[in-house]
């Protein structure tokens, strides 16, 4: 049976697969926000205002600090950047 990248990474790090997948999803969402704010010239202050989050929180999330960062907060940034996230779920091989 072929293992997915999150499964291999989880095994290598000794972490539950769900935690590894959560980190990957968060990183992908943050990357998309970073690309969009760079493209659109949106500042952290403007993103904070649009999202209702403190600027320091926005800066912390966008700097890659995933600890204690909820998907909800990241999705607020996705929305504030003018993006939309989609989730795709499928059976494992």
C-alpha atoms as a PDB file:
ATOM      1  CA  UNK A   1       0.000   0.000   0.000  1.00  0.00           C
ATOM      2  CA  UNK A   2       1.373   3.411  -1.001  1.00  0.00           C
ATOM      3  CA  UNK A   3       1.550   5.901   1.877  1.00  0.00           C
ATOM      4  CA  UNK A   4       0.712   9.561   1.388  1.00  0.00           C
ATOM      5  CA  UNK A   5       3.234  12.290   2.111  1.00  0.00           C
ATOM      6  CA  UNK A   6       1.461  13.286   5.371  1.00  0.00           C
ATOM      7  CA  UNK A   7       1.506   9.656   6.495  1.00  0.00           C
ATOM      8  CA  UNK A   8       5.236   9.319   5.780  1.00  0.00           C
ATOM      9  CA  UNK A   9       5.996  12.649   7.421  1.00  0.00           C
ATOM     10  CA  UNK A  10       3.930  11.750  10.487  1.00  0.00           C
ATOM     11  CA  UNK A  11       5.726   8.442  10.788  1.00  0.00           C
ATOM     12  CA  UNK A  12       9.153  10.049  10.391  1.00  0.00           C
ATOM     13  CA  UNK A  13       8.355  12.662  13.046  1.00  0.00           C
ATOM     14  CA  UNK A  14       6.516  10.308  15.370  1.00  0.00           C
ATOM     15  CA  UNK A  15       3.344  12.414  15.184  1.00  0.00           C
ATOM     16  CA  UNK A  16      -0.280  11.493  14.591  1.00  0.00           C
ATOM     17  CA  UNK A  17      -1.151  11.722  10.889  1.00  0.00           C
ATOM     18  CA  UNK A  18      -3.955  14.182  11.684  1.00  0.00           C
ATOM     19  CA  UNK A  19      -1.518  16.668  13.257  1.00  0.00           C
ATOM     20  CA  UNK A  20       0.770  16.471  10.271  1.00  0.00           C
ATOM     21  CA  UNK A  21      -2.104  16.994   7.846  1.00  0.00           C
ATOM     22  CA  UNK A  22      -3.319  19.981   9.890  1.00  0.00           C
ATOM     23  CA  UNK A  23       0.122  21.592   9.670  1.00  0.00           C
ATOM     24  CA  UNK A  24       0.256  21.015   5.909  1.00  0.00           C
ATOM     25  CA  UNK A  25      -3.211  22.521   5.374  1.00  0.00           C
ATOM     26  CA  UNK A  26      -2.340  25.546   7.511  1.00  0.00           C
ATOM     27  CA  UNK A  27       0.932  26.068   5.633  1.00  0.00           C
ATOM     28  CA  UNK A  28      -0.790  25.852   2.244  1.00  0.00           C
ATOM     29  CA  UNK A  29      -3.466  28.364   3.276  1.00  0.00           C
ATOM     30  CA  UNK A  30      -0.904  30.778   4.684  1.00  0.00           C
ATOM     31  CA  UNK A  31       1.186  30.460   1.527  1.00  0.00           C
ATOM     32  CA  UNK A  32      -1.838  31.349  -0.601  1.00  0.00           C
ATOM     33  CA  UNK A  33      -2.568  34.398   1.570  1.00  0.00           C
ATOM     34  CA  UNK A  34       1.046  35.544   1.355  1.00  0.00           C
ATOM     35  CA  UNK A  35       1.055  35.232  -2.432  1.00  0.00           C
ATOM     36  CA  UNK A  36      -2.203  37.165  -2.743  1.00  0.00           C
ATOM     37  CA  UNK A  37      -1.296  40.022  -0.420  1.00  0.00           C
ATOM     38  CA  UNK A  38       2.021  40.363  -2.223  1.00  0.00           C
ATOM     39  CA  UNK A  39       0.268  40.394  -5.596  1.00  0.00           C
ATOM     40  CA  UNK A  40      -2.397  42.851  -4.451  1.00  0.00           C
ATOM     41  CA  UNK A  41      -0.096  45.038  -2.344  1.00  0.00           C
ATOM     42  CA  UNK A  42      -2.105  44.491   0.835  1.00  0.00           C
ATOM     43  CA  UNK A  43      -0.279  45.364   4.056  1.00  0.00           C
ATOM     44  CA  UNK A  44      -0.461  43.379   7.267  1.00  0.00           C
ATOM     45  CA  UNK A  45      -2.279  46.349   8.821  1.00  0.00           C
ATOM     46  CA  UNK A  46      -4.909  46.317   6.064  1.00  0.00           C
ATOM     47  CA  UNK A  47      -5.305  42.551   6.302  1.00  0.00           C
ATOM     48  CA  UNK A  48      -5.740  42.894  10.068  1.00  0.00           C
ATOM     49  CA  UNK A  49      -8.434  45.518   9.597  1.00  0.00           C
ATOM     50  CA  UNK A  50     -10.272  43.394   7.018  1.00  0.00           C
ATOM     51  CA  UNK A  51     -10.061  40.237   9.131  1.00  0.00           C
ATOM     52  CA  UNK A  52     -10.803  41.755  12.524  1.00  0.00           C
ATOM     53  CA  UNK A  53      -7.575  40.309  13.935  1.00  0.00           C
ATOM     54  CA  UNK A  54      -4.837  42.258  15.681  1.00  0.00           C
ATOM     55  CA  UNK A  55      -1.960  43.241  13.387  1.00  0.00           C
ATOM     56  CA  UNK A  56       0.468  41.396  15.655  1.00  0.00           C
ATOM     57  CA  UNK A  57      -1.649  38.240  15.252  1.00  0.00           C
ATOM     58  CA  UNK A  58      -1.642  38.641  11.467  1.00  0.00           C
ATOM     59  CA  UNK A  59       2.108  39.129  11.399  1.00  0.00           C
ATOM     60  CA  UNK A  60       2.602  36.089  13.638  1.00  0.00           C
ATOM     61  CA  UNK A  61       0.464  33.857  11.430  1.00  0.00           C
ATOM     62  CA  UNK A  62       2.029  35.070   8.193  1.00  0.00           C
ATOM     63  CA  UNK A  63       5.548  34.613   9.561  1.00  0.00           C
ATOM     64  CA  UNK A  64       4.873  30.885   9.731  1.00  0.00           C
ATOM     65  CA  UNK A  65       4.183  30.416  13.420  1.00  0.00           C
ATOM     66  CA  UNK A  66       1.674  27.569  13.383  1.00  0.00           C
ATOM     67  CA  UNK A  67       1.567  26.931  17.110  1.00  0.00           C
ATOM     68  CA  UNK A  68      -1.707  28.014  18.678  1.00  0.00           C
ATOM     69  CA  UNK A  69      -2.947  29.245  15.300  1.00  0.00           C
ATOM     70  CA  UNK A  70      -6.406  27.935  14.540  1.00  0.00           C
ATOM     71  CA  UNK A  71      -7.760  27.103  11.112  1.00  0.00           C
ATOM     72  CA  UNK A  72     -10.523  29.616  11.883  1.00  0.00           C
ATOM     73  CA  UNK A  73      -8.024  32.470  12.155  1.00  0.00           C
ATOM     74  CA  UNK A  74      -6.274  31.421   8.987  1.00  0.00           C
ATOM     75  CA  UNK A  75      -9.595  31.222   7.141  1.00  0.00           C
ATOM     76  CA  UNK A  76     -10.372  34.761   8.308  1.00  0.00           C
ATOM     77  CA  UNK A  77      -7.131  35.841   6.634  1.00  0.00           C
ATOM     78  CA  UNK A  78      -7.994  33.867   3.507  1.00  0.00           C
ATOM     79  CA  UNK A  79     -11.310  35.716   3.299  1.00  0.00           C
ATOM     80  CA  UNK A  80      -9.731  39.089   4.117  1.00  0.00           C
ATOM     81  CA  UNK A  81      -7.243  38.573   1.273  1.00  0.00           C
ATOM     82  CA  UNK A  82     -10.142  38.066  -1.121  1.00  0.00           C
ATOM     83  CA  UNK A  83      -9.560  34.341  -1.482  1.00  0.00           C
ATOM     84  CA  UNK A  84     -11.768  31.310  -1.083  1.00  0.00           C
ATOM     85  CA  UNK A  85     -10.642  27.927   0.250  1.00  0.00           C
ATOM     86  CA  UNK A  86     -11.931  24.568  -0.945  1.00  0.00           C
ATOM     87  CA  UNK A  87     -11.499  21.215   0.756  1.00  0.00           C
ATOM     88  CA  UNK A  88     -11.193  17.953  -1.112  1.00  0.00           C
ATOM     89  CA  UNK A  89     -11.598  14.682   0.765  1.00  0.00           C
ATOM     90  CA  UNK A  90     -10.947  11.270  -0.751  1.00  0.00           C
ATOM     91  CA  UNK A  91     -10.439   7.690   0.340  1.00  0.00           C
ATOM     92  CA  UNK A  92      -6.874   6.667   1.080  1.00  0.00           C
ATOM     93  CA  UNK A  93      -5.276   4.130  -1.191  1.00  0.00           C
END
